[in-house]
Amino acid sequence: MTLVMEQNEHLGEDQLESYSIGNLAEPDAVCLEEHVLICETCQDRLAGSDSRVRAIRRAALKRIQVPERGWAAWSLTRLAPVLAALVLIVASGVALRFSRQSAVAPLAVALEATRGPAVSARVPALRPLLLEPGLEGLRPLDRYHLEIVDRVGNEVWRADCAPVPGRTSTVFMPGLSPGAYFVRLYDDSRTLLREFAVEARDSR
């Protein structure tokens, strides 16, 4: 499905549930996350959906404990709901990576191109981020490809950035582990257009 949000429209229960179990395509998940950032009603409803997923996981973990008398006492009828719960756990694994680990709001980070090894931005480690890559001076495109790599070039995150006229272009990501990173901006032909240096610091 393609998720399109109208002004003042709230997310549907099926959309929230699909996101909570990790069954939402990445472009739709990005659209949902951007809406949730500004809609307190949908934030509460998404928290409820995530809570139900966690409750199912806990219940499934309890039910898969086999009695001492062995597997012989387990019939197919009794195993069916347990197996269904296990399937849901696997499906929700990806979503739980991006679940609301805390109530901390994403930090808006304006990225500016620099010369040499200078750091464009310093951010708290593991905090959700709303990246604002500087597009000034670039040829206008329908979308840019944003990639984050660590200091040795290993990819840690990738997303698309679709500029909206009259608005700041932002990309949501769940956070970075402590360390140094490069945020790279490409066009559709994978031509490197701009690079930003970012350092994630442990707040402890």
C-alpha atoms as a PDB file:
ATOM      1  CA  MET A   1       0.000   0.000   0.000  1.00  0.00           C
ATOM      2  CA  THR A   2       1.012   3.626  -0.383  1.00  0.00           C
ATOM      3  CA  LEU A   3       0.509   5.729   2.707  1.00  0.00           C
ATOM      4  CA  VAL A   4      -0.745   9.255   1.950  1.00  0.00           C
ATOM      5  CA  MET A   5      -1.640  11.521   4.857  1.00  0.00           C
ATOM      6  CA  GLU A   6      -4.118  14.347   4.432  1.00  0.00           C
ATOM      7  CA  GLN A   7      -3.986  17.391   6.693  1.00  0.00           C
ATOM      8  CA  ASN A   8      -5.611  16.773  10.124  1.00  0.00           C
ATOM      9  CA  GLU A   9      -6.037  13.070   9.259  1.00  0.00           C
ATOM     10  CA  HIS A  10      -5.122  10.418  11.821  1.00  0.00           C
ATOM     11  CA  LEU A  11      -3.545   7.058  11.097  1.00  0.00           C
ATOM     12  CA  GLY A  12      -5.779   3.992  10.757  1.00  0.00           C
ATOM     13  CA  GLU A  13      -5.574   1.059  13.160  1.00  0.00           C
ATOM     14  CA  ASP A  14      -4.402  -1.233  10.349  1.00  0.00           C
ATOM     15  CA  GLN A  15      -1.558   1.170   9.504  1.00  0.00           C
ATOM     16  CA  LEU A  16      -0.442   1.386  13.141  1.00  0.00           C
ATOM     17  CA  GLU A  17      -0.625  -2.381  13.548  1.00  0.00           C
ATOM     18  CA  SER A  18       1.326  -2.991  10.327  1.00  0.00           C
ATOM     19  CA  TYR A  19       4.045  -0.616  11.538  1.00  0.00           C
ATOM     20  CA  SER A  20       4.212  -2.212  15.004  1.00  0.00           C
ATOM     21  CA  ILE A  21       4.753  -5.703  13.577  1.00  0.00           C
ATOM     22  CA  GLY A  22       7.186  -4.537  10.885  1.00  0.00           C
ATOM     23  CA  ASN A  23       4.862  -5.192   7.958  1.00  0.00           C
ATOM     24  CA  LEU A  24       5.008  -1.673   6.477  1.00  0.00           C
ATOM     25  CA  ALA A  25       7.155  -0.816   3.454  1.00  0.00           C
ATOM     26  CA  GLU A  26      10.019   1.578   4.177  1.00  0.00           C
ATOM     27  CA  PRO A  27       8.547   4.593   2.292  1.00  0.00           C
ATOM     28  CA  ASP A  28       5.232   4.157   4.122  1.00  0.00           C
ATOM     29  CA  ALA A  29       7.035   3.700   7.446  1.00  0.00           C
ATOM     30  CA  VAL A  30       8.933   6.958   6.885  1.00  0.00           C
ATOM     31  CA  CYS A  31       5.668   8.780   6.084  1.00  0.00           C
ATOM     32  CA  LEU A  32       4.047   7.320   9.217  1.00  0.00           C
ATOM     33  CA  GLU A  33       6.999   8.322  11.409  1.00  0.00           C
ATOM     34  CA  GLU A  34       6.923  11.892  10.100  1.00  0.00           C
ATOM     35  CA  HIS A  35       3.206  12.119  10.931  1.00  0.00           C
ATOM     36  CA  VAL A  36       3.666  10.629  14.411  1.00  0.00           C
ATOM     37  CA  LEU A  37       6.361  13.195  15.193  1.00  0.00           C
ATOM     38  CA  ILE A  38       3.788  16.005  15.016  1.00  0.00           C
ATOM     39  CA  CYS A  39       0.576  14.228  16.069  1.00  0.00           C
ATOM     40  CA  GLU A  40       0.220  13.545  19.802  1.00  0.00           C
ATOM     41  CA  THR A  41      -2.967  11.534  19.243  1.00  0.00           C
ATOM     42  CA  CYS A  42      -1.218   9.099  16.911  1.00  0.00           C
ATOM     43  CA  GLN A  43       1.816   9.005  19.217  1.00  0.00           C
ATOM     44  CA  ASP A  44      -0.422   7.672  22.012  1.00  0.00           C
ATOM     45  CA  ARG A  45      -2.161   5.225  19.676  1.00  0.00           C
ATOM     46  CA  LEU A  46       1.169   3.940  18.334  1.00  0.00           C
ATOM     47  CA  ALA A  47       2.433   3.480  21.891  1.00  0.00           C
ATOM     48  CA  GLY A  48      -0.667   1.397  22.583  1.00  0.00           C
ATOM     49  CA  SER A  49      -0.051  -0.698  19.472  1.00  0.00           C
ATOM     50  CA  ASP A  50       3.585  -1.263  20.459  1.00  0.00           C
ATOM     51  CA  SER A  51       2.429  -2.225  23.964  1.00  0.00           C
ATOM     52  CA  ARG A  52       0.086  -4.863  22.555  1.00  0.00           C
ATOM     53  CA  VAL A  53       2.931  -6.352  20.493  1.00  0.00           C
ATOM     54  CA  ARG A  54       5.105  -6.565  23.613  1.00  0.00           C
ATOM     55  CA  ALA A  55       2.242  -8.200  25.530  1.00  0.00           C
ATOM     56  CA  ILE A  56       1.869 -10.828  22.792  1.00  0.00           C
ATOM     57  CA  ARG A  57       5.596 -11.512  22.940  1.00  0.00           C
ATOM     58  CA  ARG A  58       5.490 -11.992  26.708  1.00  0.00           C
ATOM     59  CA  ALA A  59       2.476 -14.289  26.467  1.00  0.00           C
ATOM     60  CA  ALA A  60       4.112 -16.329  23.717  1.00  0.00           C
ATOM     61  CA  LEU A  61       7.304 -16.740  25.721  1.00  0.00           C
ATOM     62  CA  LYS A  62       5.285 -18.088  28.653  1.00  0.00           C
ATOM     63  CA  ARG A  63       3.330 -20.513  26.494  1.00  0.00           C
ATOM     64  CA  ILE A  64       6.367 -22.021  24.800  1.00  0.00           C
ATOM     65  CA  GLN A  65       7.663 -23.336  28.124  1.00  0.00           C
ATOM     66  CA  VAL A  66       7.139 -27.091  27.797  1.00  0.00           C
ATOM     67  CA  PRO A  67       5.821 -29.015  30.881  1.00  0.00           C
ATOM     68  CA  GLU A  68       8.162 -31.571  32.385  1.00  0.00           C
ATOM     69  CA  ARG A  69       5.951 -34.429  31.167  1.00  0.00           C
ATOM     70  CA  GLY A  70       7.287 -33.754  27.670  1.00  0.00           C
ATOM     71  CA  TRP A  71       6.086 -33.046  24.153  1.00  0.00           C
ATOM     72  CA  ALA A  72       3.758 -36.034  24.107  1.00  0.00           C
ATOM     73  CA  ALA A  73       1.183 -34.035  26.074  1.00  0.00           C
ATOM     74  CA  TRP A  74       1.147 -31.273  23.457  1.00  0.00           C
ATOM     75  CA  SER A  75      -1.430 -31.734  20.727  1.00  0.00           C
ATOM     76  CA  LEU A  76      -1.448 -29.898  17.414  1.00  0.00           C
ATOM     77  CA  THR A  77      -4.450 -27.912  18.640  1.00  0.00           C
ATOM     78  CA  ARG A  78      -2.473 -26.622  21.621  1.00  0.00           C
ATOM     79  CA  LEU A  79       0.639 -25.898  19.558  1.00  0.00           C
ATOM     80  CA  ALA A  80      -1.134 -23.881  16.852  1.00  0.00           C
ATOM     81  CA  PRO A  81      -1.602 -20.644  18.868  1.00  0.00           C
ATOM     82  CA  VAL A  82       1.953 -20.871  20.178  1.00  0.00           C
ATOM     83  CA  LEU A  83       3.362 -21.221  16.662  1.00  0.00           C
ATOM     84  CA  ALA A  84       1.218 -18.312  15.486  1.00  0.00           C
ATOM     85  CA  ALA A  85       2.590 -16.178  18.323  1.00  0.00           C
ATOM     86  CA  LEU A  86       6.148 -17.132  17.363  1.00  0.00           C
ATOM     87  CA  VAL A  87       5.516 -16.015  13.788  1.00  0.00           C
ATOM     88  CA  LEU A  88       4.293 -12.668  15.118  1.00  0.00           C
ATOM     89  CA  ILE A  89       7.407 -12.319  17.256  1.00  0.00           C
ATOM     90  CA  VAL A  90       9.654 -12.813  14.232  1.00  0.00           C
ATOM     91  CA  ALA A  91       7.598 -10.366  12.172  1.00  0.00           C
ATOM     92  CA  SER A  92       7.748  -7.748  14.914  1.00  0.00           C
ATOM     93  CA  GLY A  93      11.525  -8.020  15.301  1.00  0.00           C
ATOM     94  CA  VAL A  94      12.309  -5.329  12.737  1.00  0.00           C
ATOM     95  CA  ALA A  95       9.620  -3.006  14.059  1.00  0.00           C
ATOM     96  CA  LEU A  96      10.874  -3.336  17.603  1.00  0.00           C
ATOM     97  CA  ARG A  97      14.269  -2.036  16.478  1.00  0.00           C
ATOM     98  CA  PHE A  98      12.555   1.251  15.667  1.00  0.00           C
ATOM     99  CA  SER A  99       9.985   1.194  18.464  1.00  0.00           C
ATOM    100  CA  ARG A 100       9.845   4.059  20.877  1.00  0.00           C
ATOM    101  CA  GLN A 101      12.666   3.065  23.196  1.00  0.00           C
ATOM    102  CA  SER A 102      11.957   6.159  25.247  1.00  0.00           C
ATOM    103  CA  ALA A 103       9.715   9.190  25.222  1.00  0.00           C
ATOM    104  CA  VAL A 104      12.587  11.401  24.006  1.00  0.00           C
ATOM    105  CA  ALA A 105      11.605  13.490  20.992  1.00  0.00           C
ATOM    106  CA  PRO A 106      13.871  13.352  17.920  1.00  0.00           C
ATOM    107  CA  LEU A 107      16.619  15.962  17.826  1.00  0.00           C
ATOM    108  CA  ALA A 108      16.612  18.186  14.732  1.00  0.00           C
ATOM    109  CA  VAL A 109      20.143  18.300  13.289  1.00  0.00           C
ATOM    110  CA  ALA A 110      21.029  20.779  10.532  1.00  0.00           C
ATOM    111  CA  LEU A 111      23.856  19.358   8.412  1.00  0.00           C
ATOM    112  CA  GLU A 112      26.205  21.738   6.635  1.00  0.00           C
ATOM    113  CA  ALA A 113      28.944  20.776   4.198  1.00  0.00           C
ATOM    114  CA  THR A 114      32.451  21.464   5.539  1.00  0.00           C
ATOM    115  CA  ARG A 115      35.941  21.403   4.076  1.00  0.00           C
ATOM    116  CA  GLY A 116      38.476  18.909   5.356  1.00  0.00           C
ATOM    117  CA  PRO A 117      37.894  16.769   8.484  1.00  0.00           C
ATOM    118  CA  ALA A 118      35.772  19.369  10.314  1.00  0.00           C
ATOM    119  CA  VAL A 119      32.664  17.934  12.024  1.00  0.00           C
ATOM    120  CA  SER A 120      29.364  19.287  10.716  1.00  0.00           C
ATOM    121  CA  ALA A 121      27.342  18.244  13.772  1.00  0.00           C
ATOM    122  CA  ARG A 122      27.730  16.622  17.188  1.00  0.00           C
ATOM    123  CA  VAL A 123      24.743  14.662  18.467  1.00  0.00           C
ATOM    124  CA  PRO A 124      23.869  12.603  21.569  1.00  0.00           C
ATOM    125  CA  ALA A 125      24.443   8.892  20.979  1.00  0.00           C
ATOM    126  CA  LEU A 126      21.363   6.651  20.591  1.00  0.00           C
ATOM    127  CA  ARG A 127      18.905   9.563  20.499  1.00  0.00           C
ATOM    128  CA  PRO A 128      16.397   9.626  17.609  1.00  0.00           C
ATOM    129  CA  LEU A 129      17.425  12.205  15.020  1.00  0.00           C
ATOM    130  CA  LEU A 130      15.667  14.343  12.453  1.00  0.00           C
ATOM    131  CA  LEU A 131      18.419  15.056   9.938  1.00  0.00           C
ATOM    132  CA  GLU A 132      18.186  18.220   7.835  1.00  0.00           C
ATOM    133  CA  PRO A 133      20.775  17.887   5.038  1.00  0.00           C
ATOM    134  CA  GLY A 134      21.820  21.166   3.471  1.00  0.00           C
ATOM    135  CA  LEU A 135      20.625  21.196  -0.137  1.00  0.00           C
ATOM    136  CA  GLU A 136      21.533  24.778  -0.972  1.00  0.00           C
ATOM    137  CA  GLY A 137      23.355  25.077  -4.284  1.00  0.00           C
ATOM    138  CA  LEU A 138      22.443  21.578  -5.455  1.00  0.00           C
ATOM    139  CA  ARG A 139      20.494  20.858  -8.613  1.00  0.00           C
ATOM    140  CA  PRO A 140      16.823  20.423  -7.610  1.00  0.00           C
ATOM    141  CA  LEU A 141      15.758  16.764  -7.698  1.00  0.00           C
ATOM    142  CA  ASP A 142      12.553  14.917  -6.844  1.00  0.00           C
ATOM    143  CA  ARG A 143      14.537  12.933  -4.308  1.00  0.00           C
ATOM    144  CA  TYR A 144      18.025  12.501  -2.938  1.00  0.00           C
ATOM    145  CA  HIS A 145      19.515   9.323  -1.455  1.00  0.00           C
ATOM    146  CA  LEU A 146      21.001   9.687   2.015  1.00  0.00           C
ATOM    147  CA  GLU A 147      23.509   7.171   3.338  1.00  0.00           C
ATOM    148  CA  ILE A 148      25.294   7.078   6.699  1.00  0.00           C
ATOM    149  CA  VAL A 149      28.579   5.185   7.029  1.00  0.00           C
ATOM    150  CA  ASP A 150      30.997   4.766   9.916  1.00  0.00           C
ATOM    151  CA  ARG A 151      34.602   5.946   9.819  1.00  0.00           C
ATOM    152  CA  VAL A 152      35.744   2.838   7.896  1.00  0.00           C
ATOM    153  CA  GLY A 153      32.943   3.042   5.326  1.00  0.00           C
ATOM    154  CA  ASN A 154      30.486   0.453   6.679  1.00  0.00           C
ATOM    155  CA  GLU A 155      26.886   1.430   5.948  1.00  0.00           C
ATOM    156  CA  VAL A 156      24.745   1.918   9.076  1.00  0.00           C
ATOM    157  CA  TRP A 157      21.657   3.653   7.650  1.00  0.00           C
ATOM    158  CA  ARG A 158      20.050   4.515   4.322  1.00  0.00           C
ATOM    159  CA  ALA A 159      16.948   6.530   3.437  1.00  0.00           C
ATOM    160  CA  ASP A 160      15.497   8.777   0.732  1.00  0.00           C
ATOM    161  CA  CYS A 161      15.117  12.520   1.144  1.00  0.00           C
ATOM    162  CA  ALA A 162      12.242  14.011  -0.866  1.00  0.00           C
ATOM    163  CA  PRO A 163      12.307  17.838  -0.828  1.00  0.00           C
ATOM    164  CA  VAL A 164       8.983  19.588  -0.243  1.00  0.00           C
ATOM    165  CA  PRO A 165       8.737  23.168  -1.596  1.00  0.00           C
ATOM    166  CA  GLY A 166       8.589  25.700   1.194  1.00  0.00           C
ATOM    167  CA  ARG A 167       9.563  23.178   3.884  1.00  0.00           C
ATOM    168  CA  THR A 168      12.798  21.961   5.429  1.00  0.00           C
ATOM    169  CA  SER A 169      13.781  18.568   4.037  1.00  0.00           C
ATOM    170  CA  THR A 170      14.166  16.092   6.901  1.00  0.00           C
ATOM    171  CA  VAL A 171      15.014  12.400   7.328  1.00  0.00           C
ATOM    172  CA  PHE A 172      14.139  10.483  10.519  1.00  0.00           C
ATOM    173  CA  MET A 173      16.527   7.896  11.972  1.00  0.00           C
ATOM    174  CA  PRO A 174      16.425   6.085  15.342  1.00  0.00           C
ATOM    175  CA  GLY A 175      19.905   7.134  16.498  1.00  0.00           C
ATOM    176  CA  LEU A 176      23.639   6.423  16.239  1.00  0.00           C
ATOM    177  CA  SER A 177      25.989   4.492  18.497  1.00  0.00           C
ATOM    178  CA  PRO A 178      28.925   6.512  19.871  1.00  0.00           C
ATOM    179  CA  GLY A 179      31.491   7.237  17.163  1.00  0.00           C
ATOM    180  CA  ALA A 180      32.282   9.220  14.028  1.00  0.00           C
ATOM    181  CA  TYR A 181      30.128   8.998  10.899  1.00  0.00           C
ATOM    182  CA  PHE A 182      29.758  10.460   7.414  1.00  0.00           C
ATOM    183  CA  VAL A 183      26.364  11.390   5.985  1.00  0.00           C
ATOM    184  CA  ARG A 184      26.500  11.191   2.196  1.00  0.00           C
ATOM    185  CA  LEU A 185      24.008  12.602  -0.285  1.00  0.00           C
ATOM    186  CA  TYR A 186      23.625  10.980  -3.732  1.00  0.00           C
ATOM    187  CA  ASP A 187      21.467  11.416  -6.806  1.00  0.00           C
ATOM    188  CA  ASP A 188      19.741   8.521  -8.614  1.00  0.00           C
ATOM    189  CA  SER A 189      22.925   7.696 -10.521  1.00  0.00           C
ATOM    190  CA  ARG A 190      24.818   7.293  -7.218  1.00  0.00           C
ATOM    191  CA  THR A 191      26.884  10.415  -7.862  1.00  0.00           C
ATOM    192  CA  LEU A 192      28.123  11.809  -4.549  1.00  0.00           C
ATOM    193  CA  LEU A 193      26.710  15.319  -4.216  1.00  0.00           C
ATOM    194  CA  ARG A 194      27.634  16.274  -0.672  1.00  0.00           C
ATOM    195  CA  GLU A 195      29.156  14.793   2.484  1.00  0.00           C
ATOM    196  CA  PHE A 196      28.671  15.777   6.114  1.00  0.00           C
ATOM    197  CA  ALA A 197      30.726  14.653   9.133  1.00  0.00           C
ATOM    198  CA  VAL A 198      28.784  13.748  12.286  1.00  0.00           C
ATOM    199  CA  GLU A 199      30.021  12.702  15.710  1.00  0.00           C
ATOM    200  CA  ALA A 200      27.750  10.823  18.139  1.00  0.00           C
ATOM    201  CA  ARG A 201      28.796  11.270  21.745  1.00  0.00           C
ATOM    202  CA  ASP A 202      27.815   9.209  24.773  1.00  0.00           C
ATOM    203  CA  SER A 203      26.003  11.507  27.186  1.00  0.00           C
ATOM    204  CA  ARG A 204      27.074   9.524  30.243  1.00  0.00           C
END
